[in-house]
Amino acid sequence: MDGTPHGAAIAAEGLGVRGPRGWAFRAVDVDAPPGSLVAVEGPSGSGRTCLLLTLTGRMRPSAGRAEVAGLALPRRMAAVRRVSALAHVPGVAELDASLTVAEHLRERALLQRRFGAPPGTLFRPGALFRTRAEKAAREAARTEAALTAAGLEVSALPKGAGTAVRDLGRLEALRLALALALVGAPRLVAVDDTDLKLTAAERDRAWALLRSLAGAGTTVLAVCAEAPPGDAVVVRTAPTTSQAPSQAPKGAADAFAETGRP
């Protein structure tokens, strides 16, 4: 995407999150330069989603140290949230099956207009004096660039922009979720369950897409059951000795309830 800032470096040592039912994950190390594809690999229930939320400033760590884009966690959690975006995390950031593609894009544009702007553009000279038409044109250009980067051809969908999310294939839904996240030009994009319910061919296309985003400069953090072969930075999670699978948080909502979020 044009105007996308350089990706966020991720560094962590001994990182862990613990709640009333035990450790969600612990002793995780990460060393990923800007523009990396980071694959968070592990079985379901091993804290993969909690790690993703921690590294995007949505969950407070209990142990260890971490920096994202040079911002220390947990002290700079709010700042990390501003430079990161969630593309698909069930219970936290997910598509509404009843809405159409156009409705999702319109909603995202409204949220972007109300709550955020691409990093580095908020106080650009002249921004306050643009006409409504100029602002609409820039908004449309950002949306189109995000769709292009995510590889989603809206015109090729069964009903074009009027296609409901429930009628999208898993890979098309992933592309839409990524496009919505990219509208805000984040330095870090995080996506959960990247390879869930994908065929082998679809999985290859999904990883190719994520590599292309990383190659364009955005750091990508992707949760998966199995990391792809190649140059991804692989971070593995596994149940700890003090955490049986049944004790681990079962979802993002549980994780938020257990650890708290500012």
C-alpha atoms as a PDB file:
ATOM      1  CA  MET A   1       0.000   0.000   0.000  1.00  0.00           C
ATOM      2  CA  ASP A   2       1.195   3.481  -0.798  1.00  0.00           C
ATOM      3  CA  GLY A   3       1.897   5.453   2.344  1.00  0.00           C
ATOM      4  CA  THR A   4       2.146   2.404   4.565  1.00  0.00           C
ATOM      5  CA  PRO A   5       4.761   3.155   7.239  1.00  0.00           C
ATOM      6  CA  HIS A   6       7.602   0.788   7.965  1.00  0.00           C
ATOM      7  CA  GLY A   7       6.509  -2.190   9.998  1.00  0.00           C
ATOM      8  CA  ALA A   8       6.869  -2.507  13.731  1.00  0.00           C
ATOM      9  CA  ALA A   9       9.770  -4.483  15.186  1.00  0.00           C
ATOM     10  CA  ILE A  10       8.742  -6.964  17.887  1.00  0.00           C
ATOM     11  CA  ALA A  11      11.042  -7.982  20.725  1.00  0.00           C
ATOM     12  CA  ALA A  12      10.058 -10.039  23.747  1.00  0.00           C
ATOM     13  CA  GLU A  13      11.857 -12.051  26.383  1.00  0.00           C
ATOM     14  CA  GLY A  14      10.246 -14.379  28.927  1.00  0.00           C
ATOM     15  CA  LEU A  15       6.811 -12.980  28.101  1.00  0.00           C
ATOM     16  CA  GLY A  16       3.827 -14.487  29.878  1.00  0.00           C
ATOM     17  CA  VAL A  17       0.202 -13.873  30.822  1.00  0.00           C
ATOM     18  CA  ARG A  18      -1.318 -15.388  33.921  1.00  0.00           C
ATOM     19  CA  GLY A  19      -4.922 -15.314  35.119  1.00  0.00           C
ATOM     20  CA  PRO A  20      -6.861 -16.814  38.035  1.00  0.00           C
ATOM     21  CA  ARG A  21      -6.887 -20.224  36.294  1.00  0.00           C
ATOM     22  CA  GLY A  22      -3.165 -20.306  35.607  1.00  0.00           C
ATOM     23  CA  TRP A  23      -0.800 -19.325  32.833  1.00  0.00           C
ATOM     24  CA  ALA A  24      -2.289 -18.691  29.402  1.00  0.00           C
ATOM     25  CA  PHE A  25       1.284 -18.736  28.054  1.00  0.00           C
ATOM     26  CA  ARG A  26       4.711 -18.098  29.530  1.00  0.00           C
ATOM     27  CA  ALA A  27       8.423 -17.849  28.741  1.00  0.00           C
ATOM     28  CA  VAL A  28       7.877 -16.698  25.143  1.00  0.00           C
ATOM     29  CA  ASP A  29      10.735 -14.983  23.277  1.00  0.00           C
ATOM     30  CA  VAL A  30      10.311 -13.018  20.051  1.00  0.00           C
ATOM     31  CA  ASP A  31      12.858 -11.240  17.881  1.00  0.00           C
ATOM     32  CA  ALA A  32      11.312  -9.951  14.656  1.00  0.00           C
ATOM     33  CA  PRO A  33      12.557  -6.979  12.623  1.00  0.00           C
ATOM     34  CA  PRO A  34      10.166  -4.540  10.927  1.00  0.00           C
ATOM     35  CA  GLY A  35       8.266  -6.028   8.007  1.00  0.00           C
ATOM     36  CA  SER A  36       8.457  -9.593   9.315  1.00  0.00           C
ATOM     37  CA  LEU A  37       5.902 -12.339   8.921  1.00  0.00           C
ATOM     38  CA  VAL A  38       5.629 -13.774  12.433  1.00  0.00           C
ATOM     39  CA  ALA A  39       3.883 -17.149  12.712  1.00  0.00           C
ATOM     40  CA  VAL A  40       2.578 -17.946  16.201  1.00  0.00           C
ATOM     41  CA  GLU A  41       2.398 -21.737  16.111  1.00  0.00           C
ATOM     42  CA  GLY A  42       0.830 -24.007  18.681  1.00  0.00           C
ATOM     43  CA  PRO A  43      -2.115 -26.241  19.492  1.00  0.00           C
ATOM     44  CA  SER A  44      -5.497 -24.815  20.379  1.00  0.00           C
ATOM     45  CA  GLY A  45      -5.569 -23.807  24.035  1.00  0.00           C
ATOM     46  CA  SER A  46      -1.823 -23.074  24.224  1.00  0.00           C
ATOM     47  CA  GLY A  47      -2.248 -19.297  24.556  1.00  0.00           C
ATOM     48  CA  ARG A  48      -1.757 -18.314  20.918  1.00  0.00           C
ATOM     49  CA  THR A  49      -4.584 -15.760  20.907  1.00  0.00           C
ATOM     50  CA  CYS A  50      -3.503 -14.342  24.260  1.00  0.00           C
ATOM     51  CA  LEU A  51       0.009 -13.831  22.904  1.00  0.00           C
ATOM     52  CA  LEU A  52      -1.385 -12.081  19.831  1.00  0.00           C
ATOM     53  CA  LEU A  53      -3.486  -9.778  22.021  1.00  0.00           C
ATOM     54  CA  THR A  54      -0.542  -9.078  24.303  1.00  0.00           C
ATOM     55  CA  LEU A  55       1.760  -8.090  21.437  1.00  0.00           C
ATOM     56  CA  THR A  56      -0.872  -5.731  20.036  1.00  0.00           C
ATOM     57  CA  GLY A  57      -1.422  -3.943  23.340  1.00  0.00           C
ATOM     58  CA  ARG A  58      -4.835  -5.466  24.052  1.00  0.00           C
ATOM     59  CA  MET A  59      -3.784  -7.620  27.006  1.00  0.00           C
ATOM     60  CA  ARG A  60      -1.496  -6.848  29.921  1.00  0.00           C
ATOM     61  CA  PRO A  61       1.508  -9.173  30.320  1.00  0.00           C
ATOM     62  CA  SER A  62       2.166 -10.736  33.712  1.00  0.00           C
ATOM     63  CA  ALA A  63       5.832 -11.615  33.219  1.00  0.00           C
ATOM     64  CA  GLY A  64       8.790 -10.797  31.039  1.00  0.00           C
ATOM     65  CA  ARG A  65       9.455  -7.797  28.832  1.00  0.00           C
ATOM     66  CA  ALA A  66       8.360  -6.764  25.365  1.00  0.00           C
ATOM     67  CA  GLU A  67       8.668  -3.885  22.919  1.00  0.00           C
ATOM     68  CA  VAL A  68       6.605  -3.282  19.801  1.00  0.00           C
ATOM     69  CA  ALA A  69       7.740  -0.488  17.459  1.00  0.00           C
ATOM     70  CA  GLY A  70      10.069   0.610  20.247  1.00  0.00           C
ATOM     71  CA  LEU A  71       7.135   0.964  22.663  1.00  0.00           C
ATOM     72  CA  ALA A  72       7.529  -0.906  25.953  1.00  0.00           C
ATOM     73  CA  LEU A  73       4.752  -3.156  27.197  1.00  0.00           C
ATOM     74  CA  PRO A  74       2.768  -2.830  29.383  1.00  0.00           C
ATOM     75  CA  ARG A  75       3.644   0.852  29.945  1.00  0.00           C
ATOM     76  CA  ARG A  76       2.842   1.904  26.363  1.00  0.00           C
ATOM     77  CA  MET A  77      -0.111  -0.384  25.670  1.00  0.00           C
ATOM     78  CA  ALA A  78      -2.318   2.421  24.369  1.00  0.00           C
ATOM     79  CA  ALA A  79       0.401   3.561  21.973  1.00  0.00           C
ATOM     80  CA  VAL A  80       0.885  -0.004  20.700  1.00  0.00           C
ATOM     81  CA  ARG A  81      -2.853  -0.261  20.036  1.00  0.00           C
ATOM     82  CA  ARG A  82      -2.635   2.867  17.890  1.00  0.00           C
ATOM     83  CA  VAL A  83       0.010   1.371  15.587  1.00  0.00           C
ATOM     84  CA  SER A  84      -1.532  -2.096  15.352  1.00  0.00           C
ATOM     85  CA  ALA A  85      -4.755  -3.575  14.009  1.00  0.00           C
ATOM     86  CA  LEU A  86      -6.615  -6.845  14.449  1.00  0.00           C
ATOM     87  CA  ALA A  87      -7.770  -8.473  11.235  1.00  0.00           C
ATOM     88  CA  HIS A  88      -9.640 -11.410  12.711  1.00  0.00           C
ATOM     89  CA  VAL A  89      -9.875 -12.386  16.371  1.00  0.00           C
ATOM     90  CA  PRO A  90     -13.112 -14.174  17.353  1.00  0.00           C
ATOM     91  CA  GLY A  91     -14.864 -12.388  20.189  1.00  0.00           C
ATOM     92  CA  VAL A  92     -12.749  -9.251  19.781  1.00  0.00           C
ATOM     93  CA  ALA A  93     -12.565  -8.263  16.111  1.00  0.00           C
ATOM     94  CA  GLU A  94     -14.606 -10.348  13.705  1.00  0.00           C
ATOM     95  CA  LEU A  95     -16.872  -9.928  10.717  1.00  0.00           C
ATOM     96  CA  ASP A  96     -20.647  -9.763  11.120  1.00  0.00           C
ATOM     97  CA  ALA A  97     -22.124 -12.538   8.980  1.00  0.00           C
ATOM     98  CA  SER A  98     -25.345 -10.563   8.415  1.00  0.00           C
ATOM     99  CA  LEU A  99     -23.616  -7.479   6.952  1.00  0.00           C
ATOM    100  CA  THR A 100     -22.519  -7.050   3.359  1.00  0.00           C
ATOM    101  CA  VAL A 101     -19.029  -6.235   2.168  1.00  0.00           C
ATOM    102  CA  ALA A 102     -20.132  -2.669   1.389  1.00  0.00           C
ATOM    103  CA  GLU A 103     -21.625  -2.246   4.872  1.00  0.00           C
ATOM    104  CA  HIS A 104     -18.410  -3.446   6.505  1.00  0.00           C
ATOM    105  CA  LEU A 105     -16.324  -1.058   4.394  1.00  0.00           C
ATOM    106  CA  ARG A 106     -18.670   1.843   5.124  1.00  0.00           C
ATOM    107  CA  GLU A 107     -18.601   1.099   8.842  1.00  0.00           C
ATOM    108  CA  ARG A 108     -14.797   0.919   8.818  1.00  0.00           C
ATOM    109  CA  ALA A 109     -14.558   4.245   6.974  1.00  0.00           C
ATOM    110  CA  LEU A 110     -16.841   5.887   9.528  1.00  0.00           C
ATOM    111  CA  LEU A 111     -14.822   4.503  12.431  1.00  0.00           C
ATOM    112  CA  GLN A 112     -11.595   5.649  10.799  1.00  0.00           C
ATOM    113  CA  ARG A 113     -13.040   9.122  10.247  1.00  0.00           C
ATOM    114  CA  ARG A 114     -14.215   9.344  13.861  1.00  0.00           C
ATOM    115  CA  PHE A 115     -11.415   7.684  15.812  1.00  0.00           C
ATOM    116  CA  GLY A 116      -8.249   7.510  13.799  1.00  0.00           C
ATOM    117  CA  ALA A 117      -6.088   8.452  10.867  1.00  0.00           C
ATOM    118  CA  PRO A 118      -3.087   6.738   9.314  1.00  0.00           C
ATOM    119  CA  PRO A 119      -0.004   7.247  11.514  1.00  0.00           C
ATOM    120  CA  GLY A 120       1.802  10.472  10.686  1.00  0.00           C
ATOM    121  CA  THR A 121      -1.143  12.147   8.921  1.00  0.00           C
ATOM    122  CA  LEU A 122      -3.185  13.568  11.782  1.00  0.00           C
ATOM    123  CA  PHE A 123      -1.404  16.915  11.972  1.00  0.00           C
ATOM    124  CA  ARG A 124      -0.252  17.193   8.372  1.00  0.00           C
ATOM    125  CA  PRO A 125      -0.451  20.870   7.222  1.00  0.00           C
ATOM    126  CA  GLY A 126      -3.662  21.603   5.359  1.00  0.00           C
ATOM    127  CA  ALA A 127      -5.513  18.520   6.612  1.00  0.00           C
ATOM    128  CA  LEU A 128      -8.062  20.655   8.476  1.00  0.00           C
ATOM    129  CA  PHE A 129      -8.880  22.704   5.376  1.00  0.00           C
ATOM    130  CA  ARG A 130      -9.716  19.967   2.896  1.00  0.00           C
ATOM    131  CA  THR A 131     -13.182  20.055   1.357  1.00  0.00           C
ATOM    132  CA  ARG A 132     -15.692  17.308   1.977  1.00  0.00           C
ATOM    133  CA  ALA A 133     -15.140  16.044  -1.555  1.00  0.00           C
ATOM    134  CA  GLU A 134     -11.368  15.918  -1.043  1.00  0.00           C
ATOM    135  CA  LYS A 135     -11.774  14.001   2.201  1.00  0.00           C
ATOM    136  CA  ALA A 136     -14.191  11.569   0.541  1.00  0.00           C
ATOM    137  CA  ALA A 137     -11.744  11.014  -2.324  1.00  0.00           C
ATOM    138  CA  ARG A 138      -8.872  10.312   0.072  1.00  0.00           C
ATOM    139  CA  GLU A 139     -11.093   7.965   2.073  1.00  0.00           C
ATOM    140  CA  ALA A 140     -12.094   6.080  -1.066  1.00  0.00           C
ATOM    141  CA  ALA A 141      -8.454   5.860  -2.148  1.00  0.00           C
ATOM    142  CA  ARG A 142      -7.417   4.386   1.221  1.00  0.00           C
ATOM    143  CA  THR A 143     -10.199   1.811   1.022  1.00  0.00           C
ATOM    144  CA  GLU A 144      -9.303   0.844  -2.547  1.00  0.00           C
ATOM    145  CA  ALA A 145      -5.617   0.546  -1.629  1.00  0.00           C
ATOM    146  CA  ALA A 146      -6.513  -1.688   1.327  1.00  0.00           C
ATOM    147  CA  LEU A 147      -8.668  -3.938  -0.852  1.00  0.00           C
ATOM    148  CA  THR A 148      -5.888  -4.198  -3.424  1.00  0.00           C
ATOM    149  CA  ALA A 149      -3.294  -5.057  -0.783  1.00  0.00           C
ATOM    150  CA  ALA A 150      -5.605  -7.745   0.630  1.00  0.00           C
ATOM    151  CA  GLY A 151      -6.238  -9.138  -2.840  1.00  0.00           C
ATOM    152  CA  LEU A 152     -10.029  -8.831  -2.569  1.00  0.00           C
ATOM    153  CA  GLU A 153     -11.714  -8.224  -5.943  1.00  0.00           C
ATOM    154  CA  VAL A 154     -15.122  -6.976  -4.858  1.00  0.00           C
ATOM    155  CA  SER A 155     -16.494  -7.026  -8.399  1.00  0.00           C
ATOM    156  CA  ALA A 156     -15.747 -10.760  -8.633  1.00  0.00           C
ATOM    157  CA  LEU A 157     -17.900 -11.630  -5.595  1.00  0.00           C
ATOM    158  CA  PRO A 158     -21.335 -13.240  -6.233  1.00  0.00           C
ATOM    159  CA  LYS A 159     -23.226  -9.989  -5.599  1.00  0.00           C
ATOM    160  CA  GLY A 160     -20.311  -7.568  -5.720  1.00  0.00           C
ATOM    161  CA  ALA A 161     -20.186  -5.199  -2.768  1.00  0.00           C
ATOM    162  CA  GLY A 162     -23.683  -6.373  -1.830  1.00  0.00           C
ATOM    163  CA  THR A 163     -22.429  -9.871  -0.993  1.00  0.00           C
ATOM    164  CA  ALA A 164     -23.160 -10.823   2.615  1.00  0.00           C
ATOM    165  CA  VAL A 165     -20.277 -12.085   4.709  1.00  0.00           C
ATOM    166  CA  ARG A 166     -22.137 -15.361   5.253  1.00  0.00           C
ATOM    167  CA  ASP A 167     -21.837 -15.984   1.519  1.00  0.00           C
ATOM    168  CA  LEU A 168     -18.079 -15.456   1.384  1.00  0.00           C
ATOM    169  CA  GLY A 169     -15.630 -18.324   1.295  1.00  0.00           C
ATOM    170  CA  ARG A 170     -13.171 -18.597   4.175  1.00  0.00           C
ATOM    171  CA  LEU A 171     -10.324 -17.133   2.129  1.00  0.00           C
ATOM    172  CA  GLU A 172     -12.435 -14.217   0.844  1.00  0.00           C
ATOM    173  CA  ALA A 173     -13.562 -13.481   4.415  1.00  0.00           C
ATOM    174  CA  LEU A 174      -9.926 -13.429   5.501  1.00  0.00           C
ATOM    175  CA  ARG A 175      -9.112 -10.994   2.694  1.00  0.00           C
ATOM    176  CA  LEU A 176     -11.977  -8.724   3.753  1.00  0.00           C
ATOM    177  CA  ALA A 177     -10.868  -8.779   7.402  1.00  0.00           C
ATOM    178  CA  LEU A 178      -7.332  -7.869   6.352  1.00  0.00           C
ATOM    179  CA  ALA A 179      -8.578  -5.064   4.089  1.00  0.00           C
ATOM    180  CA  LEU A 180     -10.596  -3.563   6.941  1.00  0.00           C
ATOM    181  CA  ALA A 181      -7.533  -3.656   9.188  1.00  0.00           C
ATOM    182  CA  LEU A 182      -5.309  -2.088   6.525  1.00  0.00           C
ATOM    183  CA  VAL A 183      -7.553   0.949   5.999  1.00  0.00           C
ATOM    184  CA  GLY A 184      -5.875   2.599   8.974  1.00  0.00           C
ATOM    185  CA  ALA A 185      -2.358   1.897   7.614  1.00  0.00           C
ATOM    186  CA  PRO A 186      -1.159   0.089  10.773  1.00  0.00           C
ATOM    187  CA  ARG A 187       2.472  -0.840  11.307  1.00  0.00           C
ATOM    188  CA  LEU A 188       1.426  -4.236  12.696  1.00  0.00           C
ATOM    189  CA  VAL A 189      -1.492  -6.404  11.568  1.00  0.00           C
ATOM    190  CA  ALA A 190      -2.496  -9.422  13.650  1.00  0.00           C
ATOM    191  CA  VAL A 191      -4.763 -12.232  12.493  1.00  0.00           C
ATOM    192  CA  ASP A 192      -5.987 -15.217  14.486  1.00  0.00           C
ATOM    193  CA  ASP A 193      -6.587 -18.801  13.249  1.00  0.00           C
ATOM    194  CA  THR A 194      -4.982 -18.071   9.879  1.00  0.00           C
ATOM    195  CA  ASP A 195      -5.155 -21.640   8.601  1.00  0.00           C
ATOM    196  CA  LEU A 196      -8.447 -22.707  10.202  1.00  0.00           C
ATOM    197  CA  LYS A 197     -10.806 -24.540   7.798  1.00  0.00           C
ATOM    198  CA  LEU A 198      -8.654 -23.810   4.745  1.00  0.00           C
ATOM    199  CA  THR A 199      -7.766 -26.382   2.129  1.00  0.00           C
ATOM    200  CA  ALA A 200      -4.087 -26.922   1.389  1.00  0.00           C
ATOM    201  CA  ALA A 201      -4.337 -24.726  -1.717  1.00  0.00           C
ATOM    202  CA  GLU A 202      -6.189 -21.990   0.170  1.00  0.00           C
ATOM    203  CA  ARG A 203      -3.619 -22.161   2.974  1.00  0.00           C
ATOM    204  CA  ASP A 204      -0.824 -21.584   0.474  1.00  0.00           C
ATOM    205  CA  ARG A 205      -2.664 -18.565  -0.966  1.00  0.00           C
ATOM    206  CA  ALA A 206      -3.314 -17.174   2.514  1.00  0.00           C
ATOM    207  CA  TRP A 207       0.357 -17.368   3.467  1.00  0.00           C
ATOM    208  CA  ALA A 208       1.347 -15.873   0.105  1.00  0.00           C
ATOM    209  CA  LEU A 209      -0.975 -12.946   0.865  1.00  0.00           C
ATOM    210  CA  LEU A 210       0.492 -12.426   4.331  1.00  0.00           C
ATOM    211  CA  ARG A 211       4.018 -12.576   2.889  1.00  0.00           C
ATOM    212  CA  SER A 212       3.077  -9.924   0.349  1.00  0.00           C
ATOM    213  CA  LEU A 213       1.820  -7.626   3.122  1.00  0.00           C
ATOM    214  CA  ALA A 214       5.042  -8.132   5.064  1.00  0.00           C
ATOM    215  CA  GLY A 215       7.051  -7.588   1.887  1.00  0.00           C
ATOM    216  CA  ALA A 216       5.289  -4.246   1.426  1.00  0.00           C
ATOM    217  CA  GLY A 217       6.515  -3.160   4.874  1.00  0.00           C
ATOM    218  CA  THR A 218       3.759  -4.068   7.337  1.00  0.00           C
ATOM    219  CA  THR A 219       4.702  -6.471  10.124  1.00  0.00           C
ATOM    220  CA  VAL A 220       2.250  -9.400  10.157  1.00  0.00           C
ATOM    221  CA  LEU A 221       1.513 -11.508  13.249  1.00  0.00           C
ATOM    222  CA  ALA A 222      -0.417 -14.660  12.342  1.00  0.00           C
ATOM    223  CA  VAL A 223      -1.697 -17.404  14.636  1.00  0.00           C
ATOM    224  CA  CYS A 224      -1.651 -20.871  13.086  1.00  0.00           C
ATOM    225  CA  ALA A 225      -1.668 -24.565  13.904  1.00  0.00           C
ATOM    226  CA  GLU A 226       1.394 -25.098  11.721  1.00  0.00           C
ATOM    227  CA  ALA A 227       3.858 -22.450  10.569  1.00  0.00           C
ATOM    228  CA  PRO A 228       4.486 -22.273   6.818  1.00  0.00           C
ATOM    229  CA  PRO A 229       7.822 -23.342   5.373  1.00  0.00           C
ATOM    230  CA  GLY A 230      10.076 -20.493   4.406  1.00  0.00           C
ATOM    231  CA  ASP A 231      11.291 -17.309   5.991  1.00  0.00           C
ATOM    232  CA  ALA A 232       8.601 -16.662   8.617  1.00  0.00           C
ATOM    233  CA  VAL A 233       9.745 -15.882  12.158  1.00  0.00           C
ATOM    234  CA  VAL A 234       8.244 -18.798  14.107  1.00  0.00           C
ATOM    235  CA  VAL A 235       7.139 -18.354  17.717  1.00  0.00           C
ATOM    236  CA  ARG A 236       5.814 -21.490  19.410  1.00  0.00           C
ATOM    237  CA  THR A 237       3.399 -21.739  22.321  1.00  0.00           C
ATOM    238  CA  ALA A 238       2.608 -24.856  24.302  1.00  0.00           C
ATOM    239  CA  PRO A 239       0.725 -25.655  27.516  1.00  0.00           C
ATOM    240  CA  THR A 240       2.912 -25.040  30.552  1.00  0.00           C
ATOM    241  CA  THR A 241       3.362 -27.513  33.390  1.00  0.00           C
ATOM    242  CA  SER A 242       1.008 -25.432  35.557  1.00  0.00           C
ATOM    243  CA  GLN A 243      -1.660 -25.199  32.835  1.00  0.00           C
ATOM    244  CA  ALA A 244      -3.613 -28.177  31.596  1.00  0.00           C
ATOM    245  CA  PRO A 245      -5.552 -27.534  28.407  1.00  0.00           C
ATOM    246  CA  SER A 246      -8.829 -27.435  30.333  1.00  0.00           C
ATOM    247  CA  GLN A 247      -7.429 -24.693  32.575  1.00  0.00           C
ATOM    248  CA  ALA A 248      -6.383 -22.395  29.763  1.00  0.00           C
ATOM    249  CA  PRO A 249      -8.627 -19.492  28.722  1.00  0.00           C
ATOM    250  CA  LYS A 250     -10.959 -20.838  26.029  1.00  0.00           C
ATOM    251  CA  GLY A 251     -11.264 -17.598  24.054  1.00  0.00           C
ATOM    252  CA  ALA A 252     -10.396 -13.950  23.821  1.00  0.00           C
ATOM    253  CA  ALA A 253     -13.357 -12.920  25.953  1.00  0.00           C
ATOM    254  CA  ASP A 254     -12.210 -15.246  28.738  1.00  0.00           C
ATOM    255  CA  ALA A 255      -8.695 -13.911  28.411  1.00  0.00           C
ATOM    256  CA  PHE A 256      -9.808 -10.308  28.796  1.00  0.00           C
ATOM    257  CA  ALA A 257     -11.877 -11.213  31.838  1.00  0.00           C
ATOM    258  CA  GLU A 258      -8.978 -13.024  33.463  1.00  0.00           C
ATOM    259  CA  THR A 259      -6.179 -10.539  32.893  1.00  0.00           C
ATOM    260  CA  GLY A 260      -7.908  -7.197  32.493  1.00  0.00           C
ATOM    261  CA  ARG A 261      -7.380  -4.516  29.885  1.00  0.00           C
ATOM    262  CA  PRO A 262      -6.884  -0.779  30.405  1.00  0.00           C
END
